[in-house]
Amino acid sequence: MILLRAYLLSGLVAHKVVWERLKRRSATEPQAPVTLRVRLVKALKAVILGLILVQTAVPAYWLPISAAPAVIVTVGTAIYTLGLALALAGRLQLGDNWSDIETAQVLPRQSVVQRGVYRYLRHPIYVGDLLLLFGLELALNSWLVLGVAVLTPFVLARAIHEEELLKESLDGYREYCRTSKRFIPFVV
């Protein structure tokens, strides 16, 4: 279990490092105004991330699903790995075309990305992050997986909102929507 927790924790750290490094690299772009709402959302995200890190690092089960969790842990680890890979690939392939979920905006030099995972999926970062969190909670054998289920509709609604903004403001995005799926490749 210690090796599993080390793997899960290292994936979370790698995810955060990639985001922060790429965010700094594109920090020269004009940013949307930081409102109280944006600050509250960022603070909430930081608290949740901190709690997830503690949950992952502390060798105890939090609200365990099963007394014999081998299958749940294995399935969760696979889902976590898929989500981590998808989110990281999406973020790396998106490059400087990315903006925070709280401050969705079309950047002046932004273009439609249609390569890699974006060829099949318009929102690989959102989908990847949700799979990562869902898999993490299963891998930790935790009923907190239900929290991810509650969070999912809000994240997907945010993705749809961003999509409408991109359709209105980004040349070629409407055409891109006709050739790719929103959340599940080849399906939805």
Protein backbone atom coordinates (compact mmCIF):
# COMPACT_ATOMS: atom_id res chain seq x y z
CA MET A 1 0.00 0.00 0.00
CA ILE A 2 2.93 2.36 0.62
CA LEU A 3 4.13 1.93 -2.98
CA LEU A 4 0.63 2.62 -4.27
CA ARG A 5 0.35 5.77 -2.19
CA ALA A 6 3.80 6.88 -3.39
CA TYR A 7 2.70 6.33 -7.00
CA LEU A 8 -0.54 8.25 -6.50
CA LEU A 9 1.22 11.08 -4.70
CA SER A 10 3.98 11.35 -7.31
CA GLY A 11 1.33 11.58 -10.05
CA LEU A 12 -0.44 14.40 -8.23
CA VAL A 13 2.85 16.24 -7.76
CA ALA A 14 3.83 15.74 -11.43
CA HIS A 15 0.42 17.06 -12.49
CA LYS A 16 0.83 20.20 -10.36
CA VAL A 17 4.43 20.77 -11.47
CA VAL A 18 3.47 20.58 -15.16
CA TRP A 19 0.60 23.03 -14.63
CA GLU A 20 2.70 25.53 -12.70
CA ARG A 21 5.66 25.40 -15.10
CA LEU A 22 3.48 25.83 -18.17
CA LYS A 23 1.44 28.54 -16.45
CA ARG A 24 4.60 30.54 -15.72
CA ARG A 25 5.81 30.08 -19.29
CA SER A 26 2.70 31.79 -20.64
CA ALA A 27 2.44 34.42 -17.88
CA THR A 28 3.14 37.23 -20.38
CA GLU A 29 -0.44 37.00 -21.67
CA PRO A 30 -2.99 39.52 -20.41
CA GLN A 31 -5.00 37.95 -17.64
CA ALA A 32 -8.68 38.33 -16.87
CA PRO A 33 -9.45 40.48 -13.83
CA VAL A 34 -9.20 38.62 -10.54
CA THR A 35 -12.61 38.98 -8.92
CA LEU A 36 -13.65 37.88 -5.45
CA ARG A 37 -15.39 34.86 -7.03
CA VAL A 38 -12.18 33.84 -8.82
CA ARG A 39 -10.19 34.21 -5.59
CA LEU A 40 -12.72 32.09 -3.68
CA VAL A 41 -12.68 29.36 -6.33
CA LYS A 42 -8.87 29.33 -6.38
CA ALA A 43 -8.79 29.15 -2.57
CA LEU A 44 -11.31 26.29 -2.58
CA LYS A 45 -9.24 24.44 -5.18
CA ALA A 46 -6.11 24.91 -3.05
CA VAL A 47 -7.88 23.57 0.06
CA ILE A 48 -9.23 20.56 -1.86
CA LEU A 49 -5.79 19.85 -3.32
CA GLY A 50 -4.25 20.07 0.14
CA LEU A 51 -6.81 17.65 1.56
CA ILE A 52 -6.27 15.24 -1.34
CA LEU A 53 -2.52 15.35 -0.77
CA VAL A 54 -2.99 14.63 2.95
CA GLN A 55 -5.47 11.85 2.20
CA THR A 56 -3.01 10.29 -0.25
CA ALA A 57 0.06 10.66 1.99
CA VAL A 58 -1.46 9.47 5.27
CA PRO A 59 -1.43 5.66 5.42
CA ALA A 60 -5.01 5.13 6.53
CA TYR A 61 -8.34 4.52 4.83
CA TRP A 62 -10.71 7.47 4.85
CA LEU A 63 -14.32 6.30 4.75
CA PRO A 64 -13.44 2.85 3.36
CA ILE A 65 -15.70 1.26 0.78
CA SER A 66 -14.62 -2.32 1.38
CA ALA A 67 -12.72 -4.37 3.94
CA ALA A 68 -11.16 -6.37 1.07
CA PRO A 69 -10.54 -3.66 -1.53
CA ALA A 70 -8.12 -5.39 -3.95
CA VAL A 71 -10.42 -5.12 -7.00
CA ILE A 72 -11.53 -1.56 -6.17
CA VAL A 73 -7.92 -0.47 -5.67
CA THR A 74 -6.79 -2.09 -8.93
CA VAL A 75 -9.62 -0.57 -10.98
CA GLY A 76 -9.10 2.79 -9.29
CA THR A 77 -5.38 2.77 -10.02
CA ALA A 78 -6.04 2.03 -13.69
CA ILE A 79 -8.62 4.85 -13.94
CA TYR A 80 -6.25 7.21 -12.10
CA THR A 81 -3.41 6.38 -14.50
CA LEU A 82 -5.63 6.91 -17.56
CA GLY A 83 -6.89 10.24 -16.16
CA LEU A 84 -3.40 11.45 -15.28
CA ALA A 85 -2.06 10.54 -18.74
CA LEU A 86 -5.02 12.19 -20.49
CA ALA A 87 -4.85 15.40 -18.44
CA LEU A 88 -1.08 15.73 -18.85
CA ALA A 89 -1.21 14.99 -22.59
CA GLY A 90 -4.03 17.51 -23.02
CA ARG A 91 -2.21 20.21 -21.09
CA LEU A 92 1.08 19.68 -22.90
CA GLN A 93 -0.59 19.61 -26.32
CA LEU A 94 -2.68 22.70 -25.57
CA GLY A 95 0.46 24.70 -24.78
CA ASP A 96 -0.07 28.44 -24.54
CA ASN A 97 -3.73 28.16 -25.61
CA TRP A 98 -4.70 27.34 -22.00
CA SER A 99 -6.39 29.48 -19.34
CA ASP A 100 -7.55 28.64 -15.82
CA ILE A 101 -11.03 27.14 -15.35
CA GLU A 102 -11.99 30.13 -13.19
CA THR A 103 -10.98 32.72 -15.80
CA ALA A 104 -11.96 31.10 -19.08
CA GLN A 105 -11.07 33.48 -21.86
CA VAL A 106 -9.98 33.56 -25.48
CA LEU A 107 -6.40 34.73 -25.62
CA PRO A 108 -5.24 37.16 -28.33
CA ARG A 109 -2.92 34.68 -30.06
CA GLN A 110 -5.03 31.58 -29.35
CA SER A 111 -5.63 29.00 -32.05
CA VAL A 112 -7.62 25.78 -32.30
CA VAL A 113 -5.58 22.74 -31.27
CA GLN A 114 -6.63 19.64 -33.25
CA ARG A 115 -3.66 17.32 -32.79
CA GLY A 116 -2.98 14.54 -30.31
CA VAL A 117 -5.82 13.86 -27.90
CA TYR A 118 -7.59 16.98 -29.16
CA ARG A 119 -8.16 15.21 -32.44
CA TYR A 120 -10.68 12.98 -30.65
CA LEU A 121 -11.71 14.92 -27.56
CA ARG A 122 -12.41 18.63 -27.05
CA HIS A 123 -11.92 18.61 -23.26
CA PRO A 124 -9.22 16.07 -22.37
CA ILE A 125 -8.00 18.09 -19.38
CA TYR A 126 -11.41 18.22 -17.71
CA VAL A 127 -12.14 14.58 -18.50
CA GLY A 128 -8.64 13.53 -17.44
CA ASP A 129 -8.81 15.42 -14.16
CA LEU A 130 -12.21 13.93 -13.33
CA LEU A 131 -10.96 10.42 -14.12
CA LEU A 132 -7.82 11.10 -12.07
CA LEU A 133 -9.86 12.14 -9.03
CA PHE A 134 -12.38 9.33 -9.45
CA GLY A 135 -9.62 6.75 -9.81
CA LEU A 136 -7.66 8.22 -6.91
CA GLU A 137 -10.58 7.86 -4.52
CA LEU A 138 -11.24 4.31 -5.70
CA ALA A 139 -7.54 3.45 -5.41
CA LEU A 140 -7.69 4.79 -1.85
CA ASN A 141 -10.84 2.69 -1.25
CA SER A 142 -12.74 5.80 -0.21
CA TRP A 143 -16.39 6.74 -0.31
CA LEU A 144 -15.12 10.24 -1.10
CA VAL A 145 -15.44 9.01 -4.69
CA LEU A 146 -19.04 10.24 -4.36
CA GLY A 147 -17.67 13.77 -4.00
CA VAL A 148 -16.17 13.43 -7.46
CA ALA A 149 -19.55 12.29 -8.76
CA VAL A 150 -21.11 15.45 -7.27
CA LEU A 151 -18.36 17.65 -8.76
CA THR A 152 -18.60 16.15 -12.26
CA PRO A 153 -21.74 17.96 -13.54
CA PHE A 154 -20.29 21.32 -12.48
CA VAL A 155 -17.00 20.71 -14.29
CA LEU A 156 -18.72 19.45 -17.43
CA ALA A 157 -21.09 22.44 -17.40
CA ARG A 158 -18.06 24.71 -17.17
CA ALA A 159 -16.53 22.96 -20.19
CA ILE A 160 -19.73 23.52 -22.17
CA HIS A 161 -19.73 27.20 -21.16
CA GLU A 162 -16.12 27.55 -22.34
CA GLU A 163 -17.03 25.84 -25.57
CA GLU A 164 -19.75 28.42 -26.28
CA LEU A 165 -17.25 31.21 -25.65
CA LEU A 166 -14.77 29.58 -28.05
CA LYS A 167 -17.43 29.07 -30.73
CA GLU A 168 -18.23 32.79 -30.63
CA SER A 169 -14.67 34.11 -30.43
CA LEU A 170 -12.19 31.67 -31.97
CA ASP A 171 -11.92 31.19 -35.71
CA GLY A 172 -12.28 27.56 -36.72
CA TYR A 173 -13.67 26.31 -33.41
CA ARG A 174 -17.19 25.62 -34.75
CA GLU A 175 -15.73 23.45 -37.51
CA TYR A 176 -13.53 21.68 -34.98
CA CYS A 177 -16.65 20.84 -32.91
CA ARG A 178 -18.11 19.05 -35.92
CA THR A 179 -15.10 16.73 -36.20
CA SER A 180 -14.46 15.88 -32.53
CA LYS A 181 -16.39 14.65 -29.51
CA ARG A 182 -16.86 16.66 -26.37
CA PHE A 183 -16.15 14.23 -23.51
CA ILE A 184 -15.93 10.60 -24.72
CA PRO A 185 -14.04 9.82 -27.94
CA PHE A 186 -16.27 8.48 -30.74
CA VAL A 187 -19.36 8.75 -28.47
CA VAL A 188 -20.26 12.11 -26.85
